[in-house]
Amino acid sequence: MSRRTGLATIAGLICAGAVAIIAVSAATEPEPQPTPPRVYSSCLAADTKPMPVGDDPCDGR
């Protein structure tokens, strides 16, 4: 094998290795967590005044 052929082979292997590393790192990226749903209260008292568990701050509204 000539020197030129050897260098071309080594360059090709380096490029193939780089592509493989990039492909593996792209495949192992963590998926973003979904945003939790927001719950909006129609009663201001529920958001501003501490209430015991089970108490209805809006009186059933």
Protein backbone atom coordinates (compact mmCIF):
# COMPACT_ATOMS: atom_id res chain seq x y z
CA MET A 1 0.00 0.00 0.00
CA SER A 2 1.42 3.36 -0.98
CA ARG A 3 1.74 6.26 1.41
CA ARG A 4 -1.03 8.20 -0.36
CA THR A 5 -3.43 5.25 -0.14
CA GLY A 6 -2.62 4.78 3.55
CA LEU A 7 -3.27 8.43 4.34
CA ALA A 8 -6.55 8.35 2.41
CA THR A 9 -7.61 5.23 4.33
CA ILE A 10 -6.76 6.81 7.70
CA ALA A 11 -8.59 10.03 6.76
CA GLY A 12 -11.65 8.01 5.74
CA LEU A 13 -11.62 6.08 9.01
CA ILE A 14 -11.33 9.29 11.02
CA CYS A 15 -14.29 10.82 9.16
CA ALA A 16 -16.37 7.66 9.60
CA GLY A 17 -15.55 7.64 13.32
CA ALA A 18 -16.53 11.28 13.68
CA VAL A 19 -19.85 10.66 11.93
CA ALA A 20 -20.52 7.67 14.20
CA ILE A 21 -19.76 9.69 17.34
CA ILE A 22 -22.04 12.53 16.22
CA ALA A 23 -24.85 10.07 15.41
CA VAL A 24 -24.59 8.38 18.81
CA SER A 25 -24.51 11.67 20.73
CA ALA A 26 -27.53 12.97 18.81
CA ALA A 27 -29.47 9.77 19.52
CA THR A 28 -28.78 9.90 23.27
CA GLU A 29 -29.98 13.47 23.90
CA PRO A 30 -32.62 13.51 26.64
CA GLU A 31 -36.14 14.34 25.54
CA PRO A 32 -37.48 17.61 26.97
CA GLN A 33 -40.00 17.17 29.77
CA PRO A 34 -43.55 18.23 28.87
CA THR A 35 -44.79 21.39 30.54
CA PRO A 36 -47.20 20.57 33.36
CA PRO A 37 -50.75 21.81 32.79
CA ARG A 38 -51.63 25.07 34.48
CA VAL A 39 -54.64 25.23 36.73
CA TYR A 40 -56.36 28.57 37.02
CA SER A 41 -58.69 29.41 39.85
CA SER A 42 -61.84 31.40 39.23
CA CYS A 43 -61.86 32.46 42.88
CA LEU A 44 -59.29 34.99 44.09
CA ALA A 45 -59.62 33.76 47.68
CA ALA A 46 -58.22 30.37 46.65
CA ASP A 47 -55.03 32.07 45.51
CA THR A 48 -54.56 34.60 48.31
CA LYS A 49 -55.88 33.20 51.57
CA PRO A 50 -54.61 29.97 53.18
CA MET A 51 -57.46 27.47 53.54
CA PRO A 52 -57.72 24.12 55.29
CA VAL A 53 -57.64 21.05 53.05
CA GLY A 54 -61.13 20.27 51.76
CA ASP A 55 -62.50 23.77 52.43
CA ASP A 56 -64.17 25.43 49.44
CA PRO A 57 -62.98 29.05 49.31
CA CYS A 58 -65.54 29.93 46.64
CA ASP A 59 -68.50 28.47 48.55
CA GLY A 60 -69.39 26.12 45.71
CA ARG A 61 -69.17 28.68 42.90
